[in-house]
Amino acid sequence: DAGAADALSPDAGPMCPTGGSAQPDPRGDSAGAVDPATGYLWVFGGDTGPTANCRTTPVHRDDTWRYDPVCDRWTRVEATGPSPRARMAYALDGRRRRLFVMGGRFRAGTMGNYTHLGDLWALDLATGTWRAIEASGGPSARSNAAMAWDAAGDRLVLFGGNNNPSGLSFTPLRGTWVFDLATETWQRVDAQGPSGRLFHAAVVADGALWVYGGGGSNAFAGPFMGDLWRLDLASRQWSEVSV
């Protein structure tokens, strides 16, 4: 409605509400991005369950929050979006001011297998509304993938992840996928690159996707990876960077 739009507008002025604000529960494995137009921090989902004696009791969330650093204030955004999840891939489309969330994992109780997810959602940071992206032929369901925004190519690039439903072991993935933001279509990159991994870092810079580190099937205890790889986004060829 008009009131909600005014509250989200960067032109609304520096007037800050008085009194305390709500607070999101402490959590891990969530998604987030800073709106380049307003400076607001947006956070979605994650796991708020405690861990005791090395045993997890996951509580997966589907709530969306906005933090205003000028007013030092959190606001819960009442918007219907992705189902509860954690360990999803996420990236900011800075051109259109959208936070993209892909996949993740969910478990209803403290025992049993996880359900891996493969859906793609976009949060409009101007309006605070979610939209499911219906794009077929994309990556399989997974968690712990890494995704980054390529501004020059107007696309998202995703690499790796895990599709093992067990909470006690990992099956690392090594596929690379590109999502065209204009046509909203997926395409797989058929080039041999880094070994399968999860918990890795990824960023787009200088016309390339850079991937560093992570863990393999032994990612609970290590040893972990320290290799650096570069995917040239023009030629779509991977190369290991010697450091």
Protein backbone atom coordinates (compact mmCIF):
# COMPACT_ATOMS: atom_id res chain seq x y z
CA ASP A 1 0.00 0.00 0.00
CA ALA A 2 1.01 3.65 -0.19
CA GLY A 3 2.03 3.78 3.47
CA ALA A 4 4.37 0.80 3.07
CA ALA A 5 5.90 2.33 -0.04
CA ASP A 6 6.53 5.63 1.79
CA ALA A 7 8.18 3.80 4.68
CA LEU A 8 10.61 2.12 2.29
CA SER A 9 11.36 5.22 0.22
CA PRO A 10 14.90 6.64 0.39
CA ASP A 11 13.27 10.10 0.14
CA ALA A 12 11.24 9.62 3.31
CA GLY A 13 13.75 11.76 5.24
CA PRO A 14 15.86 11.22 8.36
CA MET A 15 12.90 11.15 10.79
CA CYS A 16 13.41 8.16 13.08
CA PRO A 17 10.63 6.52 15.12
CA THR A 18 10.88 6.84 18.86
CA GLY A 19 11.06 3.86 21.20
CA GLY A 20 12.64 0.46 20.75
CA SER A 21 12.37 -1.77 17.74
CA ALA A 22 11.85 -5.47 17.25
CA GLN A 23 14.93 -7.63 16.91
CA PRO A 24 15.55 -10.71 14.72
CA ASP A 25 16.50 -13.81 16.68
CA PRO A 26 20.23 -14.66 16.68
CA ARG A 27 20.88 -16.90 13.68
CA GLY A 28 23.38 -18.41 11.27
CA ASP A 29 23.35 -19.54 7.64
CA SER A 30 21.08 -16.69 6.54
CA ALA A 31 21.07 -14.51 3.40
CA GLY A 32 21.57 -10.77 3.24
CA ALA A 33 22.50 -7.73 1.18
CA VAL A 34 22.77 -3.95 1.47
CA ASP A 35 20.45 -1.86 -0.72
CA PRO A 36 22.75 0.47 -2.72
CA ALA A 37 20.05 3.15 -2.86
CA THR A 38 19.06 3.36 0.82
CA GLY A 39 21.87 1.72 2.76
CA TYR A 40 19.38 -0.62 4.46
CA LEU A 41 20.60 -4.11 5.33
CA TRP A 42 18.16 -6.86 4.35
CA VAL A 43 18.30 -10.31 5.96
CA PHE A 44 16.32 -13.44 5.14
CA GLY A 45 15.92 -16.83 6.80
CA GLY A 46 18.60 -18.90 8.44
CA ASP A 47 18.83 -21.21 11.42
CA THR A 48 17.99 -19.98 14.92
CA GLY A 49 18.27 -23.38 16.65
CA PRO A 50 20.84 -23.88 19.41
CA THR A 51 23.76 -26.30 19.40
CA ALA A 52 24.61 -28.23 22.55
CA ASN A 53 27.34 -30.85 22.99
CA CYS A 54 28.05 -30.75 19.21
CA ARG A 55 24.41 -31.67 18.49
CA THR A 56 22.32 -29.35 16.36
CA THR A 57 18.64 -28.65 16.89
CA PRO A 58 17.88 -26.64 13.71
CA VAL A 59 15.02 -24.17 13.61
CA HIS A 60 14.80 -22.92 10.03
CA ARG A 61 13.21 -19.53 9.44
CA ASP A 62 11.39 -17.77 6.62
CA ASP A 63 11.30 -14.24 8.06
CA THR A 64 12.57 -11.10 6.30
CA TRP A 65 14.14 -8.17 8.17
CA ARG A 66 15.35 -4.69 7.25
CA TYR A 67 17.92 -2.76 9.28
CA ASP A 68 18.16 1.04 9.04
CA PRO A 69 21.71 2.06 10.06
CA VAL A 70 20.78 5.77 10.34
CA CYS A 71 18.00 5.14 12.86
CA ASP A 72 19.70 2.02 14.29
CA ARG A 73 16.42 0.18 13.94
CA TRP A 74 15.22 -3.25 12.76
CA THR A 75 11.85 -3.73 11.05
CA ARG A 76 10.28 -7.08 10.26
CA VAL A 77 8.94 -7.04 6.70
CA GLU A 78 5.65 -8.90 6.47
CA ALA A 79 6.09 -10.40 3.01
CA THR A 80 5.30 -13.88 1.74
CA GLY A 81 8.41 -15.38 0.21
CA PRO A 82 10.59 -18.49 0.24
CA SER A 83 9.84 -21.36 2.59
CA PRO A 84 11.95 -21.77 5.75
CA ARG A 85 15.57 -22.63 4.96
CA ALA A 86 19.24 -22.11 5.74
CA ARG A 87 22.56 -22.41 3.86
CA MET A 88 21.12 -20.97 0.67
CA ALA A 89 23.10 -19.25 -2.08
CA TYR A 90 22.38 -15.54 -2.41
CA ALA A 91 23.53 -12.48 -4.34
CA LEU A 92 22.55 -8.85 -4.87
CA ASP A 93 21.40 -7.60 -8.27
CA GLY A 94 22.57 -4.03 -7.66
CA ARG A 95 21.16 -2.70 -10.93
CA ARG A 96 17.56 -3.62 -10.13
CA ARG A 97 17.97 -3.59 -6.31
CA ARG A 98 17.02 -7.23 -5.79
CA LEU A 99 18.30 -9.88 -3.38
CA PHE A 100 18.31 -13.32 -5.03
CA VAL A 101 18.07 -16.51 -2.96
CA MET A 102 18.61 -19.96 -4.45
CA GLY A 103 18.19 -23.37 -2.82
CA GLY A 104 19.23 -24.18 0.73
CA ARG A 105 18.15 -26.93 3.09
CA PHE A 106 15.31 -27.57 5.55
CA ARG A 107 14.51 -30.07 8.28
CA ALA A 108 11.39 -29.98 10.43
CA GLY A 109 12.80 -31.80 13.46
CA THR A 110 16.08 -32.54 15.18
CA MET A 111 16.53 -35.98 13.56
CA GLY A 112 16.51 -37.42 10.06
CA ASN A 113 17.54 -36.18 6.65
CA TYR A 114 17.43 -32.65 5.32
CA THR A 115 15.40 -31.62 2.29
CA HIS A 116 17.46 -29.75 -0.27
CA LEU A 117 15.77 -26.99 -2.25
CA GLY A 118 16.32 -25.80 -5.81
CA ASP A 119 13.95 -22.84 -6.17
CA LEU A 120 14.97 -19.28 -7.01
CA TRP A 121 13.44 -16.16 -5.43
CA ALA A 122 13.98 -12.40 -5.79
CA LEU A 123 13.32 -9.82 -3.07
CA ASP A 124 12.59 -6.34 -4.45
CA LEU A 125 14.43 -4.01 -2.06
CA ALA A 126 12.38 -1.00 -3.17
CA THR A 127 9.03 -2.53 -2.23
CA GLY A 128 9.95 -5.32 0.20
CA THR A 129 8.10 -7.95 -1.86
CA TRP A 130 9.24 -11.44 -2.92
CA ARG A 131 8.74 -13.08 -6.31
CA ALA A 132 9.32 -16.72 -7.23
CA ILE A 133 11.36 -17.01 -10.43
CA GLU A 134 9.99 -19.75 -12.68
CA ALA A 135 13.08 -20.80 -14.62
CA SER A 136 13.36 -24.42 -15.74
CA GLY A 137 16.51 -26.36 -16.53
CA GLY A 138 18.60 -24.81 -13.77
CA PRO A 139 20.81 -26.22 -11.03
CA SER A 140 19.67 -29.22 -9.02
CA ALA A 141 18.56 -28.79 -5.42
CA ARG A 142 21.51 -27.98 -3.14
CA SER A 143 22.80 -26.12 -0.13
CA ASN A 144 26.07 -24.30 0.58
CA ALA A 145 26.56 -23.11 -3.00
CA ALA A 146 28.11 -19.69 -3.68
CA MET A 147 26.56 -17.13 -6.02
CA ALA A 148 27.77 -13.72 -7.22
CA TRP A 149 26.46 -10.89 -9.41
CA ASP A 150 28.20 -10.03 -12.66
CA ALA A 151 27.18 -6.41 -13.29
CA ALA A 152 28.85 -6.15 -16.71
CA GLY A 153 27.16 -9.30 -18.02
CA ASP A 154 23.86 -8.67 -16.18
CA ARG A 155 23.83 -12.19 -14.72
CA LEU A 156 24.33 -14.28 -11.63
CA VAL A 157 27.00 -16.97 -11.48
CA LEU A 158 26.68 -19.96 -9.15
CA PHE A 159 29.24 -22.62 -8.29
CA GLY A 160 29.38 -25.75 -6.14
CA GLY A 161 27.33 -26.78 -3.13
CA ASN A 162 26.20 -29.97 -1.39
CA ASN A 163 23.29 -32.31 -2.16
CA ASN A 164 23.74 -34.98 0.51
CA PRO A 165 20.53 -35.12 2.61
CA SER A 166 22.39 -36.46 5.64
CA GLY A 167 23.36 -34.11 8.40
CA LEU A 168 26.44 -36.22 9.05
CA SER A 169 28.16 -36.19 5.65
CA PHE A 170 28.59 -34.06 2.53
CA THR A 171 28.54 -34.71 -1.21
CA PRO A 172 30.33 -31.73 -2.77
CA LEU A 173 29.21 -30.45 -6.20
CA ARG A 174 31.39 -28.81 -8.88
CA GLY A 175 28.93 -27.51 -11.47
CA THR A 176 28.89 -23.88 -12.65
CA TRP A 177 25.67 -22.14 -13.68
CA VAL A 178 24.84 -18.72 -15.14
CA PHE A 179 21.45 -17.01 -14.66
CA ASP A 180 20.65 -14.30 -17.23
CA LEU A 181 18.84 -11.51 -15.36
CA ALA A 182 17.26 -10.03 -18.50
CA THR A 183 15.76 -13.26 -19.85
CA GLU A 184 15.54 -15.08 -16.48
CA THR A 185 17.03 -18.26 -17.89
CA TRP A 186 19.69 -20.67 -16.61
CA GLN A 187 22.63 -22.02 -18.60
CA ARG A 188 25.25 -24.53 -17.47
CA VAL A 189 28.92 -23.75 -18.04
CA ASP A 190 30.48 -26.86 -19.58
CA ALA A 191 34.05 -26.30 -18.46
CA GLN A 192 36.15 -28.30 -16.01
CA GLY A 193 37.12 -26.19 -13.05
CA PRO A 194 37.66 -26.51 -9.31
CA SER A 195 36.94 -29.75 -7.52
CA GLY A 196 33.53 -30.11 -5.89
CA ARG A 197 33.21 -28.04 -2.73
CA LEU A 198 31.03 -26.23 -0.24
CA PHE A 199 31.62 -23.46 2.32
CA HIS A 200 33.72 -21.66 -0.33
CA ALA A 201 33.93 -17.94 -1.10
CA ALA A 202 33.07 -16.46 -4.51
CA VAL A 203 33.04 -12.98 -6.05
CA VAL A 204 32.90 -11.44 -9.53
CA ALA A 205 35.68 -8.97 -10.37
CA ASP A 206 37.64 -7.99 -13.48
CA GLY A 207 35.43 -10.01 -15.81
CA ALA A 208 35.80 -13.25 -13.89
CA LEU A 209 34.27 -15.35 -11.13
CA TRP A 210 36.86 -16.01 -8.43
CA VAL A 211 36.42 -19.01 -6.12
CA TYR A 212 38.55 -19.61 -3.06
CA GLY A 213 38.82 -22.41 -0.53
CA GLY A 214 35.97 -24.39 0.96
CA GLY A 215 35.65 -27.99 2.03
CA GLY A 216 35.02 -31.35 0.40
CA SER A 217 33.38 -34.50 1.69
CA ASN A 218 35.41 -34.09 4.90
CA ALA A 219 34.21 -30.52 5.52
CA PHE A 220 33.19 -31.29 9.11
CA ALA A 221 36.77 -31.50 10.34
CA GLY A 222 39.03 -30.64 7.40
CA PRO A 223 41.63 -30.29 6.13
CA PHE A 224 40.12 -27.46 4.13
CA MET A 225 41.04 -26.13 0.69
CA GLY A 226 43.30 -23.16 -0.02
CA ASP A 227 43.25 -23.08 -3.82
CA LEU A 228 42.13 -20.06 -5.87
CA TRP A 229 40.35 -20.43 -9.22
CA ARG A 230 39.29 -17.95 -11.91
CA LEU A 231 36.44 -18.40 -14.41
CA ASP A 232 36.81 -16.05 -17.38
CA LEU A 233 33.21 -15.00 -18.00
CA ALA A 234 33.84 -14.15 -21.66
CA SER A 235 35.50 -17.42 -22.70
CA ARG A 236 33.89 -19.46 -19.90
CA GLN A 237 37.19 -21.19 -19.17
CA TRP A 238 38.48 -22.03 -15.70
CA SER A 239 42.11 -21.65 -14.64
CA GLU A 240 43.83 -22.18 -11.31
CA VAL A 241 45.63 -19.10 -10.01
CA SER A 242 49.08 -19.73 -8.57
CA VAL A 243 49.60 -17.72 -5.39
